[in-house]
C-alpha atoms as a PDB file:
ATOM      1  CA  MET A   1     168.357  58.252 142.498  1.00  0.00           C
ATOM      2  CA  THR A   2     167.920  56.168 144.940  1.00  0.00           C
ATOM      3  CA  ASN A   3     164.799  55.068 146.847  1.00  0.00           C
ATOM      4  CA  ASP A   4     165.376  56.725 150.271  1.00  0.00           C
ATOM      5  CA  ILE A   5     162.961  58.981 151.200  1.00  0.00           C
ATOM      6  CA  VAL A   6     165.454  61.027 152.905  1.00  0.00           C
ATOM      7  CA  SER A   7     168.562  61.543 151.687  1.00  0.00           C
ATOM      8  CA  PHE A   8     171.652  62.815 152.742  1.00  0.00           C
ATOM      9  CA  PHE A   9     174.406  64.854 150.662  1.00  0.00           C
ATOM     10  CA  VAL A  10     177.131  65.416 153.393  1.00  0.00           C
ATOM     11  CA  PRO A  11     178.131  68.700 151.955  1.00  0.00           C
ATOM     12  CA  ASP A  12     175.055  70.091 152.781  1.00  0.00           C
ATOM     13  CA  ILE A  13     175.300  68.943 156.078  1.00  0.00           C
ATOM     14  CA  VAL A  14     179.033  70.378 156.915  1.00  0.00           C
ATOM     15  CA  PHE A  15     177.849  73.660 155.307  1.00  0.00           C
ATOM     16  CA  GLN A  16     174.895  73.389 157.681  1.00  0.00           C
ATOM     17  CA  TRP A  17     176.788  73.126 160.620  1.00  0.00           C
ATOM     18  CA  LEU A  18     179.520  75.493 159.762  1.00  0.00           C
ATOM     19  CA  ASN A  19     176.213  78.104 159.261  1.00  0.00           C
ATOM     20  CA  LEU A  20     174.829  76.902 162.835  1.00  0.00           C
ATOM     21  CA  LEU A  21     178.322  77.368 164.444  1.00  0.00           C
ATOM     22  CA  VAL A  22     178.804  81.169 162.797  1.00  0.00           C
ATOM     23  CA  ILE A  23     175.435  82.075 163.444  1.00  0.00           C
ATOM     24  CA  PHE A  24     176.255  80.627 167.078  1.00  0.00           C
ATOM     25  CA  LEU A  25     179.177  82.694 167.663  1.00  0.00           C
ATOM     26  CA  VAL A  26     178.015  85.578 166.133  1.00  0.00           C
ATOM     27  CA  VAL A  27     174.647  85.686 168.357  1.00  0.00           C
ATOM     28  CA  LYS A  28     177.286  84.475 171.218  1.00  0.00           C
ATOM     29  CA  LYS A  29     179.567  87.622 170.955  1.00  0.00           C
ATOM     30  CA  PHE A  30     177.242  90.079 169.924  1.00  0.00           C
ATOM     31  CA  LEU A  31     173.995  89.091 171.615  1.00  0.00           C
ATOM     32  CA  PHE A  32     174.783  86.665 174.908  1.00  0.00           C
ATOM     33  CA  LYS A  33     177.757  89.082 175.865  1.00  0.00           C
ATOM     34  CA  PRO A  34     175.955  91.947 175.740  1.00  0.00           C
ATOM     35  CA  ILE A  35     172.878  90.555 177.661  1.00  0.00           C
ATOM     36  CA  LYS A  36     175.240  88.677 180.169  1.00  0.00           C
ATOM     37  CA  GLY A  37     177.021  92.345 180.565  1.00  0.00           C
ATOM     38  CA  ILE A  38     173.578  93.796 181.571  1.00  0.00           C
ATOM     39  CA  ILE A  39     172.385  90.633 183.446  1.00  0.00           C
ATOM     40  CA  GLU A  40     175.530  90.892 185.736  1.00  0.00           C
ATOM     41  CA  LYS A  41     175.051  94.671 185.675  1.00  0.00           C
ATOM     42  CA  ARG A  42     171.544  94.246 186.820  1.00  0.00           C
ATOM     43  CA  GLN A  43     172.531  91.605 189.542  1.00  0.00           C
ATOM     44  CA  ASN A  44     175.207  93.723 190.942  1.00  0.00           C
ATOM     45  CA  GLU A  45     172.479  96.639 190.840  1.00  0.00           C
ATOM     46  CA  VAL A  46     170.138  94.553 193.161  1.00  0.00           C
ATOM     47  CA  LYS A  47     173.206  93.297 195.576  1.00  0.00           C
ATOM     48  CA  ASP A  48     173.859  96.930 196.038  1.00  0.00           C
ATOM     49  CA  MET A  49     170.090  98.092 197.002  1.00  0.00           C
ATOM     50  CA  TYR A  50     170.024  94.777 199.212  1.00  0.00           C
ATOM     51  CA  LEU A  51     173.108  96.066 200.828  1.00  0.00           C
ATOM     52  CA  ARG A  52     171.810  99.844 200.957  1.00  0.00           C
ATOM     53  CA  ALA A  53     168.444  98.450 202.375  1.00  0.00           C
ATOM     54  CA  GLU A  54     170.672  96.375 204.994  1.00  0.00           C
ATOM     55  CA  GLN A  55     172.453  99.833 205.812  1.00  0.00           C
ATOM     56  CA  ALA A  56     169.249 101.793 206.095  1.00  0.00           C
ATOM     57  CA  GLU A  57     167.682  99.012 208.262  1.00  0.00           C
ATOM     58  CA  LYS A  58     170.520  98.842 210.648  1.00  0.00           C
ATOM     59  CA  LYS A  59     170.868 102.314 210.808  1.00  0.00           C
ATOM     60  CA  ALA A  60     167.085 103.026 211.294  1.00  0.00           C
ATOM     61  CA  GLN A  61     167.201  99.934 214.315  1.00  0.00           C
ATOM     62  CA  SER A  62     170.075 102.554 215.672  1.00  0.00           C
ATOM     63  CA  LEU A  63     168.253 105.479 215.894  1.00  0.00           C
ATOM     64  CA  GLU A  64     164.875 103.336 217.202  1.00  0.00           C
ATOM     65  CA  ALA A  65     167.221 102.450 219.810  1.00  0.00           C
ATOM     66  CA  GLN A  66     168.633 105.976 220.544  1.00  0.00           C
ATOM     67  CA  TYR A  67     165.269 107.459 220.204  1.00  0.00           C
ATOM     68  CA  THR A  68     164.110 104.530 222.899  1.00  0.00           C
ATOM     69  CA  GLU A  69     167.048 105.506 225.139  1.00  0.00           C
ATOM     70  CA  LEU A  70     166.218 109.387 225.011  1.00  0.00           C
ATOM     71  CA  LEU A  71     162.643 108.647 225.765  1.00  0.00           C
ATOM     72  CA  THR A  72     163.295 106.827 228.664  1.00  0.00           C
ATOM     73  CA  LYS A  73     165.648 109.094 230.182  1.00  0.00           C
ATOM     74  CA  ALA A  74     163.697 112.063 229.037  1.00  0.00           C
ATOM     75  CA  ARG A  75     160.511 110.402 231.284  1.00  0.00           C
ATOM     76  CA  LEU A  76     162.956 109.497 233.935  1.00  0.00           C
ATOM     77  CA  GLU A  77     164.074 113.002 234.331  1.00  0.00           C
ATOM     78  CA  ALA A  78     160.340 114.303 233.711  1.00  0.00           C
ATOM     79  CA  ALA A  79     159.512 111.832 236.860  1.00  0.00           C
ATOM     80  CA  GLU A  80     162.299 113.786 238.697  1.00  0.00           C
ATOM     81  CA  ILE A  81     161.075 116.961 238.063  1.00  0.00           C
ATOM     82  CA  VAL A  82     157.679 115.959 239.131  1.00  0.00           C
ATOM     83  CA  LYS A  83     159.036 113.983 242.177  1.00  0.00           C
ATOM     84  CA  ASN A  84     161.302 117.676 242.893  1.00  0.00           C
ATOM     85  CA  ALA A  85     158.598 120.037 242.476  1.00  0.00           C
ATOM     86  CA  THR A  86     156.331 117.762 244.666  1.00  0.00           C
ATOM     87  CA  GLU A  87     158.727 117.577 247.478  1.00  0.00           C
ATOM     88  CA  ALA A  88     159.337 121.391 246.876  1.00  0.00           C
ATOM     89  CA  SER A  89     156.012 122.614 247.062  1.00  0.00           C
ATOM     90  CA  GLN A  90     155.240 119.969 250.226  1.00  0.00           C
ATOM     91  CA  ALA A  91     158.104 121.335 251.806  1.00  0.00           C
ATOM     92  CA  LYS A  92     156.939 124.883 251.265  1.00  0.00           C
ATOM     93  CA  ALA A  93     153.263 124.046 252.335  1.00  0.00           C
ATOM     94  CA  ASP A  94     154.587 122.561 255.347  1.00  0.00           C
ATOM     95  CA  ALA A  95     156.790 125.460 256.609  1.00  0.00           C
ATOM     96  CA  ILE A  96     153.258 128.008 255.709  1.00  0.00           C
ATOM     97  CA  VAL A  97     151.444 125.783 257.821  1.00  0.00           C
ATOM     98  CA  GLU A  98     154.503 125.671 260.495  1.00  0.00           C
ATOM     99  CA  GLN A  99     154.274 129.621 259.980  1.00  0.00           C
ATOM    100  CA  ALA A 100     150.845 129.786 260.389  1.00  0.00           C
ATOM    101  CA  LYS A 101     151.328 127.581 263.682  1.00  0.00           C
ATOM    102  CA  VAL A 102     153.689 130.064 265.270  1.00  0.00           C
ATOM    103  CA  LYS A 103     151.320 132.860 264.191  1.00  0.00           C
ATOM    104  CA  ALA A 104     148.521 131.704 265.649  1.00  0.00           C
ATOM    105  CA  MET A 105     150.021 130.831 269.116  1.00  0.00           C
ATOM    106  CA  GLU A 106     151.459 134.422 269.302  1.00  0.00           C
ATOM    107  CA  LEU A 107     147.979 135.900 268.425  1.00  0.00           C
ATOM    108  CA  LEU A 108     146.674 133.488 271.280  1.00  0.00           C
ATOM    109  CA  GLU A 109     149.158 134.178 273.702  1.00  0.00           C
ATOM    110  CA  LYS A 110     148.568 138.262 272.844  1.00  0.00           C
ATOM    111  CA  THR A 111     145.114 137.663 273.181  1.00  0.00           C
ATOM    112  CA  GLN A 112     145.429 135.525 276.714  1.00  0.00           C
ATOM    113  CA  ILE A 113     147.594 138.589 277.903  1.00  0.00           C
ATOM    114  CA  GLN A 114     145.016 140.980 276.821  1.00  0.00           C
ATOM    115  CA  ILE A 115     142.013 138.649 278.348  1.00  0.00           C
ATOM    116  CA  GLN A 116     144.357 138.524 281.675  1.00  0.00           C
ATOM    117  CA  ARG A 117     145.080 142.426 281.567  1.00  0.00           C
ATOM    118  CA  GLU A 118     141.055 143.185 280.888  1.00  0.00           C
ATOM    119  CA  LYS A 119     140.187 141.110 284.004  1.00  0.00           C
ATOM    120  CA  ASP A 120     142.977 142.898 286.261  1.00  0.00           C
ATOM    121  CA  GLU A 121     141.187 146.162 284.704  1.00  0.00           C
ATOM    122  CA  SER A 122     137.905 144.690 285.503  1.00  0.00           C
ATOM    123  CA  LEU A 123     139.022 143.695 288.872  1.00  0.00           C
ATOM    124  CA  ARG A 124     140.249 147.138 289.643  1.00  0.00           C
ATOM    125  CA  ASP A 125     137.045 148.655 288.441  1.00  0.00           C
ATOM    126  CA  ALA A 126     135.140 146.342 290.839  1.00  0.00           C
ATOM    127  CA  PHE A 127     137.294 146.946 293.890  1.00  0.00           C
ATOM    128  CA  ASN A 128     137.207 150.741 293.023  1.00  0.00           C
ATOM    129  CA  LYS A 129     133.119 150.566 292.668  1.00  0.00           C
ATOM    130  CA  VAL A 130     133.086 148.212 296.097  1.00  0.00           C
ATOM    131  CA  SER A 131     135.452 150.731 297.975  1.00  0.00           C
ATOM    132  CA  ASP A 132     133.442 153.432 296.771  1.00  0.00           C
ATOM    133  CA  VAL A 133     130.327 151.856 297.874  1.00  0.00           C
ATOM    134  CA  VAL A 134     131.920 151.190 301.050  1.00  0.00           C
ATOM    135  CA  LEU A 135     132.841 154.754 301.672  1.00  0.00           C
ATOM    136  CA  ILE A 136     129.814 155.733 300.856  1.00  0.00           C
ATOM    137  CA  THR A 137     128.162 153.616 303.098  1.00  0.00           C
ATOM    138  CA  ALA A 138     130.496 154.475 305.788  1.00  0.00           C
ATOM    139  CA  SER A 139     129.897 157.912 305.321  1.00  0.00           C
ATOM    140  CA  LYS A 140     126.293 157.184 305.549  1.00  0.00           C
ATOM    141  CA  PHE A 141     126.472 155.427 308.703  1.00  0.00           C
ATOM    142  CA  MET A 142     128.705 158.380 310.471  1.00  0.00           C
ATOM    143  CA  GLU A 143     126.045 160.431 309.764  1.00  0.00           C
ATOM    144  CA  LYS A 144     123.182 158.784 311.461  1.00  0.00           C
ATOM    145  CA  GLU A 145     122.536 156.310 313.932  1.00  0.00           C
ATOM    146  CA  MET A 146     120.890 153.351 312.445  1.00  0.00           C
ATOM    147  CA  THR A 147     118.512 150.966 313.051  1.00  0.00           C
ATOM    148  CA  MET A 148     118.668 147.450 311.772  1.00  0.00           C
ATOM    149  CA  ASP A 149     115.802 148.073 309.360  1.00  0.00           C
ATOM    150  CA  ASP A 150     118.036 151.010 307.973  1.00  0.00           C
ATOM    151  CA  HIS A 151     120.870 148.816 308.238  1.00  0.00           C
ATOM    152  CA  LYS A 152     118.872 146.479 305.728  1.00  0.00           C
ATOM    153  CA  GLU A 153     117.749 149.683 303.558  1.00  0.00           C
ATOM    154  CA  ILE A 154     120.798 151.295 303.147  1.00  0.00           C
ATOM    155  CA  ILE A 155     122.226 147.377 302.045  1.00  0.00           C
ATOM    156  CA  GLU A 156     119.594 147.027 299.245  1.00  0.00           C
ATOM    157  CA  LYS A 157     119.866 150.321 298.075  1.00  0.00           C
ATOM    158  CA  ILE A 158     123.723 150.015 297.363  1.00  0.00           C
ATOM    159  CA  LEU A 159     123.087 146.324 295.986  1.00  0.00           C
ATOM    160  CA  ASP A 160     120.347 148.042 293.706  1.00  0.00           C
ATOM    161  CA  ASP A 161     123.056 151.065 292.730  1.00  0.00           C
ATOM    162  CA  VAL A 162     125.846 147.725 291.997  1.00  0.00           C
ATOM    163  CA  LYS A 163     123.585 145.890 289.766  1.00  0.00           C
ATOM    164  CA  THR A 164     122.244 148.776 288.026  1.00  0.00           C
ATOM    165  CA  GLU A 165     126.266 150.102 287.448  1.00  0.00           C
ATOM    166  CA  VAL A 166     127.026 146.452 286.297  1.00  0.00           C
ATOM    167  CA  ARG A 167     124.406 146.142 283.565  1.00  0.00           C
END
């Protein structure tokens, strides 16, 4: 035996290397390949998830754009409807005011005509009363001969009668 603390026996070393190589090949075949397949499968699933997420995001952005466009159109339509309704109600209000003005003018004309008729009738009545008074006065004058005092007295009496009838 030699004094070497460590001794190398070549057949043992070769056998150890062969064992290591066999273990490596077995592990590679039965452990690394399935694990590598699982890892690749998982990577593919993650890539698919990212692709689906990107597609979902693009679709969501597209839907958001459509929603925004529809909302804008709806707001514009609502504004147009309000504008049209306002214009229609203003036109209707203007027509009602114009109709009221026409009716007021017609009523004013009728009232003025009625006032003129009543005024003419009052004048005829007054003329008739004055004519009656004149006739009565004339007949009284014819009945007797008058002095100036009689004249004044008859005129005052007639004026009193007219005042009483007017009231």
